[in-house]
C-alpha atoms as a PDB file:
ATOM      1  CA  MET A   1       0.028  -0.111   0.160  1.00  0.00           C
ATOM      2  CA  GLU A   2       1.194   3.524  -0.701  1.00  0.00           C
ATOM      3  CA  LEU A   3       1.138   6.206   1.707  1.00  0.00           C
ATOM      4  CA  THR A   4       1.342   9.821   0.465  1.00  0.00           C
ATOM      5  CA  THR A   5       1.999  12.483   2.959  1.00  0.00           C
ATOM      6  CA  VAL A   6      -0.695  15.874   2.560  1.00  0.00           C
ATOM      7  CA  LYS A   7      -1.493  18.349   5.344  1.00  0.00           C
ATOM      8  CA  LEU A   8      -4.136  18.118   7.552  1.00  0.00           C
ATOM      9  CA  VAL A   9      -5.167  22.202   8.271  1.00  0.00           C
ATOM     10  CA  THR A  10      -8.336  22.181  11.060  1.00  0.00           C
ATOM     11  CA  ILE A  11      -9.674  25.485  11.502  1.00  0.00           C
ATOM     12  CA  ILE A  12     -12.221  26.205  14.895  1.00  0.00           C
ATOM     13  CA  ALA A  13     -14.437  28.577  14.261  1.00  0.00           C
ATOM     14  CA  GLU A  14     -17.416  30.690  15.078  1.00  0.00           C
ATOM     15  CA  ALA A  15     -20.622  28.657  13.462  1.00  0.00           C
ATOM     16  CA  VAL A  16     -21.525  32.343  12.125  1.00  0.00           C
ATOM     17  CA  LEU A  17     -18.333  31.944   9.579  1.00  0.00           C
ATOM     18  CA  GLU A  18     -19.139  28.670   8.031  1.00  0.00           C
ATOM     19  CA  GLU A  19     -19.941  29.381   4.792  1.00  0.00           C
ATOM     20  CA  ARG A  20     -17.626  31.911   4.321  1.00  0.00           C
ATOM     21  CA  ILE A  21     -14.646  29.835   5.556  1.00  0.00           C
ATOM     22  CA  LEU A  22     -15.899  27.125   3.065  1.00  0.00           C
ATOM     23  CA  HIS A  23     -16.049  29.182   0.088  1.00  0.00           C
ATOM     24  CA  ASP A  24     -12.649  30.545   1.058  1.00  0.00           C
ATOM     25  CA  LEU A  25     -11.230  27.245   1.265  1.00  0.00           C
ATOM     26  CA  ARG A  26     -12.678  26.273  -2.361  1.00  0.00           C
ATOM     27  CA  GLN A  27     -11.059  29.285  -3.755  1.00  0.00           C
ATOM     28  CA  LEU A  28      -7.781  28.884  -2.208  1.00  0.00           C
ATOM     29  CA  GLY A  29      -7.484  24.951  -3.533  1.00  0.00           C
ATOM     30  CA  ALA A  30      -9.860  22.857  -1.776  1.00  0.00           C
ATOM     31  CA  ARG A  31     -10.768  19.744  -2.647  1.00  0.00           C
ATOM     32  CA  GLY A  32     -12.888  18.280   0.110  1.00  0.00           C
ATOM     33  CA  TYR A  33     -14.001  18.974   4.034  1.00  0.00           C
ATOM     34  CA  THR A  34     -15.645  18.312   6.897  1.00  0.00           C
ATOM     35  CA  VAL A  35     -17.414  19.928   9.472  1.00  0.00           C
ATOM     36  CA  GLY A  36     -18.623  19.459  12.867  1.00  0.00           C
ATOM     37  CA  ALA A  37     -19.829  21.165  16.162  1.00  0.00           C
ATOM     38  CA  VAL A  38     -17.564  21.166  19.267  1.00  0.00           C
ATOM     39  CA  ARG A  39     -17.192  23.087  21.824  1.00  0.00           C
ATOM     40  CA  GLY A  40     -14.452  23.558  24.697  1.00  0.00           C
ATOM     41  CA  GLU A  41     -12.219  26.002  26.493  1.00  0.00           C
ATOM     42  CA  GLY A  42      -9.488  28.353  25.034  1.00  0.00           C
ATOM     43  CA  THR A  43      -7.854  32.269  26.180  1.00  0.00           C
ATOM     44  CA  ARG A  44     -11.167  33.516  25.836  1.00  0.00           C
ATOM     45  CA  GLY A  45     -12.675  30.744  27.716  1.00  0.00           C
ATOM     46  CA  VAL A  46     -16.041  28.851  27.501  1.00  0.00           C
ATOM     47  CA  HIS A  47     -18.678  30.448  25.729  1.00  0.00           C
ATOM     48  CA  ALA A  48     -21.358  31.975  28.601  1.00  0.00           C
ATOM     49  CA  SER A  49     -24.989  31.020  26.680  1.00  0.00           C
ATOM     50  CA  GLU A  50     -25.961  29.789  23.688  1.00  0.00           C
ATOM     51  CA  TRP A  51     -26.684  33.195  22.077  1.00  0.00           C
ATOM     52  CA  GLU A  52     -23.129  33.643  21.538  1.00  0.00           C
ATOM     53  CA  GLY A  53     -23.415  30.814  19.061  1.00  0.00           C
ATOM     54  CA  LYS A  54     -21.689  27.267  18.539  1.00  0.00           C
ATOM     55  CA  SER A  55     -18.255  26.885  17.371  1.00  0.00           C
ATOM     56  CA  LEU A  56     -17.177  24.603  14.189  1.00  0.00           C
ATOM     57  CA  ARG A  57     -14.504  22.389  13.389  1.00  0.00           C
ATOM     58  CA  ILE A  58     -13.196  22.569   9.831  1.00  0.00           C
ATOM     59  CA  GLU A  59     -10.775  19.905   8.428  1.00  0.00           C
ATOM     60  CA  THR A  60      -9.587  19.575   5.420  1.00  0.00           C
ATOM     61  CA  LEU A  61      -6.714  17.687   3.355  1.00  0.00           C
ATOM     62  CA  VAL A  62      -4.214  19.335   1.199  1.00  0.00           C
ATOM     63  CA  ALA A  63      -1.023  19.941  -0.438  1.00  0.00           C
ATOM     64  CA  PRO A  64       1.299  21.399   1.800  1.00  0.00           C
ATOM     65  CA  GLU A  65       1.398  24.636  -0.824  1.00  0.00           C
ATOM     66  CA  VAL A  66      -2.237  24.862  -0.689  1.00  0.00           C
ATOM     67  CA  ALA A  67      -2.143  24.568   3.408  1.00  0.00           C
ATOM     68  CA  GLU A  68       0.104  27.599   3.226  1.00  0.00           C
ATOM     69  CA  ARG A  69      -2.428  29.874   1.230  1.00  0.00           C
ATOM     70  CA  ILE A  70      -5.096  28.834   3.761  1.00  0.00           C
ATOM     71  CA  LEU A  71      -3.223  29.362   6.428  1.00  0.00           C
ATOM     72  CA  GLN A  72      -1.771  32.946   5.575  1.00  0.00           C
ATOM     73  CA  HIS A  73      -6.051  33.630   4.319  1.00  0.00           C
ATOM     74  CA  LEU A  74      -7.020  33.081   7.786  1.00  0.00           C
ATOM     75  CA  ALA A  75      -4.536  34.923   9.349  1.00  0.00           C
ATOM     76  CA  ALA A  76      -5.377  38.051   7.462  1.00  0.00           C
ATOM     77  CA  THR A  77      -8.729  38.032   7.166  1.00  0.00           C
ATOM     78  CA  TYR A  78     -10.478  36.405  10.064  1.00  0.00           C
ATOM     79  CA  PHE A  79      -7.772  36.262  13.145  1.00  0.00           C
ATOM     80  CA  PRO A  80      -8.081  39.990  13.820  1.00  0.00           C
ATOM     81  CA  HIS A  81     -11.765  40.506  13.650  1.00  0.00           C
ATOM     82  CA  PHE A  82     -13.165  36.465  14.880  1.00  0.00           C
ATOM     83  CA  ALA A  83     -12.608  33.733  17.332  1.00  0.00           C
ATOM     84  CA  VAL A  84     -10.812  31.813  14.979  1.00  0.00           C
ATOM     85  CA  ILE A  85      -7.498  29.504  15.543  1.00  0.00           C
ATOM     86  CA  ALA A  86      -6.047  26.809  13.195  1.00  0.00           C
ATOM     87  CA  TYR A  87      -3.436  24.880  12.466  1.00  0.00           C
ATOM     88  CA  MET A  88      -1.694  22.142  10.271  1.00  0.00           C
ATOM     89  CA  ALA A  89      -0.256  19.017  10.676  1.00  0.00           C
ATOM     90  CA  ASP A  90       1.395  15.969   8.414  1.00  0.00           C
ATOM     91  CA  VAL A  91      -0.592  13.091   7.881  1.00  0.00           C
ATOM     92  CA  GLN A  92       0.003   9.960   5.666  1.00  0.00           C
ATOM     93  CA  VAL A  93      -3.131   8.930   3.113  1.00  0.00           C
ATOM     94  CA  VAL A  94      -4.178   6.429   0.947  1.00  0.00           C
ATOM     95  CA  ARG A  95      -5.488   7.627  -2.722  1.00  0.00           C
ATOM     96  CA  GLY A  96      -3.435  11.057  -2.277  1.00  0.00           C
ATOM     97  CA  GLU A  97      -4.133  11.925  -5.897  1.00  0.00           C
ATOM     98  CA  LYS A  98      -7.393  12.918  -4.373  1.00  0.00           C
ATOM     99  CA  PHE A  99      -5.809  15.780  -2.088  1.00  0.00           C
ATOM    100  CA  ARG A 100      -3.605  17.293  -4.610  1.00  0.00           C
ATOM    101  CA  GLY A 101      -6.081  19.188  -6.602  1.00  0.00           C
ATOM    102  CA  LYS A 102      -5.475  23.102  -8.041  1.00  0.00           C
ATOM    103  CA  GLN A 103      -2.442  24.117  -6.287  1.00  0.00           C
END
């Protein structure tokens, strides 16, 4: 079995940003993504009430160049104004050609 190393980009963001971020991911070269509701605590603390909204975890598997573009875009566009964090890690996948889309 042949494995290909790609980048897993994980974004934790306010749910209100879902459509904007998903649109950006597609424009930046991601071919797919997974979205799930999450909860937790960070430097801003736990959400005090439901009206503040839920948080989402968005994950995408992409080529290294695409991952860099995504992180740069998030840092410039969302970090200064919204509760968003992002990180990437190397992962190995089977069928690597599925994740190397537009570069």
